[in-house]
Protein backbone atom coordinates (compact mmCIF):
# COMPACT_ATOMS: atom_id res chain seq x y z
CA UNK A 1 -3.78 25.28 18.75
CA UNK A 2 -4.85 21.71 19.45
CA UNK A 3 -4.03 19.20 16.74
CA UNK A 4 -3.95 15.45 16.16
CA UNK A 5 -1.10 13.13 15.22
CA UNK A 6 -0.48 9.47 14.51
CA UNK A 7 2.68 8.38 16.29
CA UNK A 8 4.32 5.28 14.81
CA UNK A 9 7.22 3.63 16.62
CA UNK A 10 9.13 0.44 15.87
CA UNK A 11 12.27 -0.53 17.71
CA UNK A 12 14.08 -3.26 19.61
CA UNK A 13 11.81 -4.51 22.37
CA UNK A 14 12.64 -3.38 25.90
CA UNK A 15 10.97 -3.44 29.29
CA UNK A 16 8.60 -0.58 30.07
CA UNK A 17 8.35 0.89 26.56
CA UNK A 18 4.58 1.40 26.65
CA UNK A 19 4.87 3.16 30.01
CA UNK A 20 7.78 5.37 28.94
CA UNK A 21 6.15 6.42 25.69
CA UNK A 22 2.76 7.02 27.30
CA UNK A 23 4.43 9.10 30.02
CA UNK A 24 5.82 11.44 27.34
CA UNK A 25 2.28 11.99 26.08
CA UNK A 26 0.94 12.45 29.62
CA UNK A 27 3.67 14.90 30.65
CA UNK A 28 2.90 16.99 27.57
CA UNK A 29 -0.82 17.00 28.35
CA UNK A 30 -1.69 15.00 25.24
CA UNK A 31 -4.77 12.81 25.11
CA UNK A 32 -4.40 9.25 23.78
CA UNK A 33 -7.37 8.67 21.49
CA UNK A 34 -6.28 5.24 20.30
CA UNK A 35 -3.37 2.94 20.99
CA UNK A 36 -2.22 -0.44 19.68
CA UNK A 37 1.04 -2.26 20.24
CA UNK A 38 2.62 -5.58 19.26
CA UNK A 39 5.84 -7.43 20.01
CA UNK A 40 7.35 -9.78 17.42
CA UNK A 41 8.82 -12.20 19.93
CA UNK A 42 10.80 -14.14 17.33
CA UNK A 43 12.88 -11.09 16.46
CA UNK A 44 12.39 -9.04 19.63
CA UNK A 45 10.80 -6.14 17.75
CA UNK A 46 8.30 -3.70 19.27
CA UNK A 47 5.62 -1.87 17.27
CA UNK A 48 3.26 0.83 18.50
CA UNK A 49 0.71 3.09 16.82
CA UNK A 50 -0.85 5.83 18.92
CA UNK A 51 -3.27 8.59 17.97
CA UNK A 52 -2.89 11.64 20.19
CA UNK A 53 -4.53 15.06 20.36
CA UNK A 54 -3.35 18.20 22.11
CA UNK A 55 -0.95 21.09 21.76
CA UNK A 56 2.54 20.09 20.66
CA UNK A 57 5.43 20.84 18.31
CA UNK A 58 6.33 17.86 16.17
CA UNK A 59 10.11 18.16 16.48
CA UNK A 60 9.98 18.61 20.25
CA UNK A 61 7.72 15.59 20.60
CA UNK A 62 10.06 13.53 18.41
CA UNK A 63 13.06 14.54 20.53
CA UNK A 64 11.34 13.52 23.76
CA UNK A 65 10.20 10.20 22.34
CA UNK A 66 13.71 9.41 21.09
CA UNK A 67 15.02 9.90 24.62
CA UNK A 68 12.92 7.04 26.04
CA UNK A 69 13.23 4.35 23.33
CA UNK A 70 16.19 2.27 22.07
CA UNK A 71 18.64 3.95 19.71
CA UNK A 72 17.52 1.90 16.71
CA UNK A 73 13.95 3.24 16.93
CA UNK A 74 12.09 4.49 13.87
CA UNK A 75 9.64 7.18 14.98
CA UNK A 76 7.12 9.02 12.84
CA UNK A 77 4.78 11.75 14.03
CA UNK A 78 2.22 12.19 11.27
CA UNK A 79 -0.45 14.85 11.25
CA UNK A 80 -3.37 13.31 9.32
CA UNK A 81 -3.96 14.72 5.86
CA UNK A 82 -4.84 13.35 2.46
CA UNK A 83 -1.86 11.58 0.94
CA UNK A 84 -0.91 11.81 -2.73
CA UNK A 85 -0.91 8.76 -4.98
CA UNK A 86 0.00 7.93 -8.58
CA UNK A 87 -1.80 5.12 -10.41
CA UNK A 88 -0.21 2.89 -13.06
CA UNK A 89 -2.50 0.90 -15.35
CA UNK A 90 -2.57 -1.09 -18.57
CA UNK A 91 -5.91 -2.13 -20.11
CA UNK A 92 -8.04 -3.64 -17.33
CA UNK A 93 -10.50 -1.15 -15.84
CA UNK A 94 -11.95 -2.80 -12.73
CA UNK A 95 -9.24 -1.94 -10.17
CA UNK A 96 -8.58 1.50 -11.61
CA UNK A 97 -12.28 2.31 -11.97
CA UNK A 98 -12.99 1.33 -8.37
CA UNK A 99 -10.26 3.64 -7.08
CA UNK A 100 -11.48 6.51 -9.27
CA UNK A 101 -15.05 6.14 -7.99
CA UNK A 102 -13.92 6.00 -4.36
CA UNK A 103 -11.83 9.11 -4.97
CA UNK A 104 -14.77 10.94 -6.54
CA UNK A 105 -16.98 9.98 -3.57
CA UNK A 106 -14.43 11.32 -1.07
CA UNK A 107 -13.94 7.83 0.34
CA UNK A 108 -10.30 7.37 -0.59
CA UNK A 109 -8.79 10.05 1.69
CA UNK A 110 -6.13 10.73 -0.92
CA UNK A 111 -5.55 12.86 -4.00
CA UNK A 112 -4.73 11.18 -7.30
CA UNK A 113 -1.93 13.07 -8.99
CA UNK A 114 -2.19 11.25 -12.32
CA UNK A 115 -2.77 7.96 -14.06
CA UNK A 116 0.08 6.59 -16.19
CA UNK A 117 -0.63 3.76 -18.63
CA UNK A 118 1.29 1.92 -21.32
CA UNK A 119 -1.89 1.74 -23.46
CA UNK A 120 -4.46 4.46 -24.13
CA UNK A 121 -7.43 2.12 -23.58
CA UNK A 122 -8.44 3.70 -20.26
CA UNK A 123 -8.00 7.35 -21.22
CA UNK A 124 -11.72 8.00 -21.75
CA UNK A 125 -12.54 6.47 -18.36
CA UNK A 126 -9.93 8.57 -16.53
CA UNK A 127 -10.94 11.77 -18.31
CA UNK A 128 -14.45 11.45 -16.86
CA UNK A 129 -12.95 12.03 -13.42
CA UNK A 130 -10.92 15.08 -14.46
CA UNK A 131 -7.61 13.44 -13.53
CA UNK A 132 -4.50 13.76 -15.71
CA UNK A 133 -3.93 10.72 -17.92
CA UNK A 134 -0.47 10.08 -19.35
CA UNK A 135 -0.02 7.48 -22.09
CA UNK A 136 3.54 6.21 -22.38
CA UNK A 137 3.65 3.48 -24.99
CA UNK A 138 6.16 0.67 -24.62
CA UNK A 139 5.98 -0.24 -28.29
CA UNK A 140 9.41 -0.46 -29.88
CA UNK A 141 11.18 0.31 -26.58
CA UNK A 142 13.25 -1.88 -24.32
CA UNK A 143 11.90 -2.34 -20.81
CA UNK A 144 14.61 -0.05 -19.47
CA UNK A 145 13.91 2.69 -22.04
CA UNK A 146 10.19 2.57 -21.35
CA UNK A 147 10.70 2.70 -17.59
CA UNK A 148 13.02 5.67 -17.96
CA UNK A 149 10.17 7.58 -19.61
CA UNK A 150 7.72 6.46 -16.92
CA UNK A 151 10.11 7.50 -14.16
CA UNK A 152 10.65 10.88 -15.79
CA UNK A 153 6.90 11.42 -15.61
CA UNK A 154 6.57 10.10 -12.05
CA UNK A 155 9.36 12.32 -10.77
CA UNK A 156 7.44 15.44 -11.77
CA UNK A 157 5.13 14.75 -8.85
CA UNK A 158 5.52 14.73 -5.09
CA UNK A 159 3.68 11.60 -3.98
CA UNK A 160 3.41 9.17 -1.08
CA UNK A 161 2.48 5.93 -2.83
CA UNK A 162 2.33 4.44 -6.31
CA UNK A 163 -0.46 1.95 -7.00
CA UNK A 164 -0.21 -0.68 -9.72
CA UNK A 165 -3.89 -0.91 -10.68
CA UNK A 166 -3.41 -3.95 -12.91
CA UNK A 167 -0.22 -2.57 -14.44
CA UNK A 168 0.73 -5.72 -16.28
CA UNK A 169 4.47 -5.22 -16.59
CA UNK A 170 7.32 -6.65 -14.53
CA UNK A 171 9.33 -3.83 -13.01
CA UNK A 172 13.12 -3.73 -13.18
CA UNK A 173 15.25 -3.64 -10.01
CA UNK A 174 16.22 -0.05 -10.82
CA UNK A 175 12.59 1.05 -10.81
CA UNK A 176 11.70 -0.83 -7.62
CA UNK A 177 14.72 0.47 -5.73
CA UNK A 178 13.97 4.05 -6.78
CA UNK A 179 10.58 3.88 -5.02
CA UNK A 180 11.30 1.42 -2.24
CA UNK A 181 8.30 0.69 0.04
CA UNK A 182 6.16 3.06 -2.01
CA UNK A 183 4.78 0.69 -4.66
CA UNK A 184 1.58 -1.26 -3.95
CA UNK A 185 0.44 -4.04 -6.27
CA UNK A 186 -2.76 -6.04 -6.54
CA UNK A 187 -2.07 -9.64 -7.54
CA UNK A 188 -4.87 -11.80 -8.85
CA UNK A 189 -4.07 -14.77 -6.66
CA UNK A 190 -3.93 -15.72 -3.00
CA UNK A 191 -0.15 -15.50 -2.67
CA UNK A 192 2.18 -17.31 -2.36
CA UNK A 193 0.19 -19.68 -4.61
CA UNK A 194 0.14 -19.19 -8.39
CA UNK A 195 2.58 -16.33 -8.85
CA UNK A 196 3.39 -14.80 -12.22
CA UNK A 197 1.21 -14.80 -15.32
CA UNK A 198 -2.38 -16.05 -15.62
CA UNK A 199 -2.86 -17.41 -12.08
CA UNK A 200 -6.57 -18.08 -12.73
CA UNK A 201 -5.66 -20.59 -15.42
CA UNK A 202 -3.10 -22.10 -13.06
CA UNK A 203 -5.75 -22.31 -10.35
CA UNK A 204 -8.28 -23.89 -12.70
CA UNK A 205 -5.81 -26.51 -13.84
CA UNK A 206 -5.03 -27.34 -10.21
CA UNK A 207 -8.73 -27.71 -9.34
CA UNK A 208 -8.74 -25.21 -6.49
CA UNK A 209 -11.86 -24.64 -4.37
CA UNK A 210 -11.09 -21.02 -3.45
CA UNK A 211 -9.59 -18.14 -5.39
CA UNK A 212 -8.38 -14.88 -3.99
CA UNK A 213 -6.38 -11.71 -4.35
CA UNK A 214 -3.38 -10.23 -2.57
CA UNK A 215 -2.29 -6.61 -2.18
CA UNK A 216 1.39 -6.28 -1.35
CA UNK A 217 4.36 -3.97 -1.43
CA UNK A 218 6.54 -4.52 -4.50
CA UNK A 219 10.07 -5.85 -4.09
CA UNK A 220 12.53 -7.32 -6.55
CA UNK A 221 11.23 -10.81 -5.72
CA UNK A 222 8.30 -11.23 -8.11
CA UNK A 223 4.98 -11.23 -6.22
CA UNK A 224 6.75 -11.95 -2.92
CA UNK A 225 6.76 -8.53 -1.23
CA UNK A 226 5.25 -7.86 2.23
CA UNK A 227 1.52 -8.63 2.17
CA UNK A 228 -0.92 -5.89 3.17
CA UNK A 229 -4.34 -7.49 2.57
CA UNK A 230 -5.87 -10.69 1.18
CA UNK A 231 -9.28 -12.25 0.66
CA UNK A 232 -10.83 -15.32 -0.99
CA UNK A 233 -14.13 -16.53 -2.44
CA UNK A 234 -15.30 -20.12 -3.02
CA UNK A 235 -15.39 -21.70 -6.48
CA UNK A 236 -16.23 -25.21 -7.69
CA UNK A 237 -15.93 -27.62 -10.62
CA UNK A 238 -18.51 -25.66 -12.64
CA UNK A 239 -16.10 -22.71 -12.97
CA UNK A 240 -13.99 -22.44 -16.10
CA UNK A 241 -10.84 -20.38 -15.65
CA UNK A 242 -12.47 -17.35 -17.29
CA UNK A 243 -15.35 -17.64 -14.80
CA UNK A 244 -12.77 -17.61 -12.05
CA UNK A 245 -11.17 -14.55 -13.62
CA UNK A 246 -14.47 -12.65 -13.70
CA UNK A 247 -15.29 -13.54 -10.10
CA UNK A 248 -11.74 -12.75 -9.04
CA UNK A 249 -11.93 -9.18 -10.32
CA UNK A 250 -14.46 -8.33 -7.62
CA UNK A 251 -12.11 -9.69 -4.96
CA UNK A 252 -9.17 -7.81 -6.45
CA UNK A 253 -10.76 -4.38 -6.23
CA UNK A 254 -12.05 -5.00 -2.68
CA UNK A 255 -8.64 -6.18 -1.48
CA UNK A 256 -6.83 -3.28 -3.16
CA UNK A 257 -9.26 -0.79 -1.63
CA UNK A 258 -8.76 -2.33 1.82
CA UNK A 259 -4.97 -2.23 1.46
CA UNK A 260 -5.04 1.38 0.31
CA UNK A 261 -7.15 2.39 3.29
CA UNK A 262 -4.70 0.73 5.68
CA UNK A 263 -1.66 2.36 4.09
CA UNK A 264 -3.22 5.80 3.69
CA UNK A 265 -4.19 5.84 7.37
CA UNK A 266 -0.69 4.83 8.49
CA UNK A 267 -1.74 1.45 9.88
CA UNK A 268 0.97 -0.64 8.21
CA UNK A 269 4.48 -1.36 9.47
CA UNK A 270 6.86 -3.29 7.22
CA UNK A 271 8.60 -5.94 9.31
CA UNK A 272 11.19 -7.67 7.11
CA UNK A 273 9.15 -9.46 4.46
CA UNK A 274 6.01 -9.30 6.59
CA UNK A 275 3.74 -6.54 7.83
CA UNK A 276 2.30 -5.55 11.17
CA UNK A 277 -1.12 -3.99 10.71
CA UNK A 278 -3.10 -2.06 13.32
């Protein structure tokens, strides 16, 4: 039976890679529906994302591809299907609400396994979408004890990505390392400017003329993980910092939605502390 796959390859650059990889597809009678490639010349790294259709067995295709690329190659053959995500939230509703609406409209191309929050403020909102809501209060608990409870809940689910939809808590190294390259955050600033708490107030005090938002993978360097998507809007001297905050919320949900779409459709390669996006 004919099927479709996204083939993602990153490896040391070498002469003739596009030809060799494409020849594997041709010899197997697969049609290339879409193809993009990029070479990071500074580090000599090759990236390629190809969408193919035809009749194939995934393991056999992987074996053939491995035979024509350098030994350090990372190869993924992904048959498109809705991925599973978990959402973490606190009190702010705009990012979470936007994701819930997109999910309800069938736009997200993912299933939401649950929403976990350290406050119960958003429970009524989540319940309207018939999605499990789990309230795990941090009151009276150390950060480590609270995270242990959150992780116990998370680990009940098989999921592809975790989205911090304005989850206003700094994660410990233990938590980040447990879900490496799976945590996506929306930061209310155009990184690397104004990291940490209350960036809108920082931006106001600096007299900026644009404000923005950044979606990125979470690492143990606060707000410095590989960037997936960014955007900005203009502001001026008439904006107080709370005006900037209100305007920034619209940018935040748009940027997070864009980043989610890229990740869920396997368009993002992590390249050190940067990303390659097709």
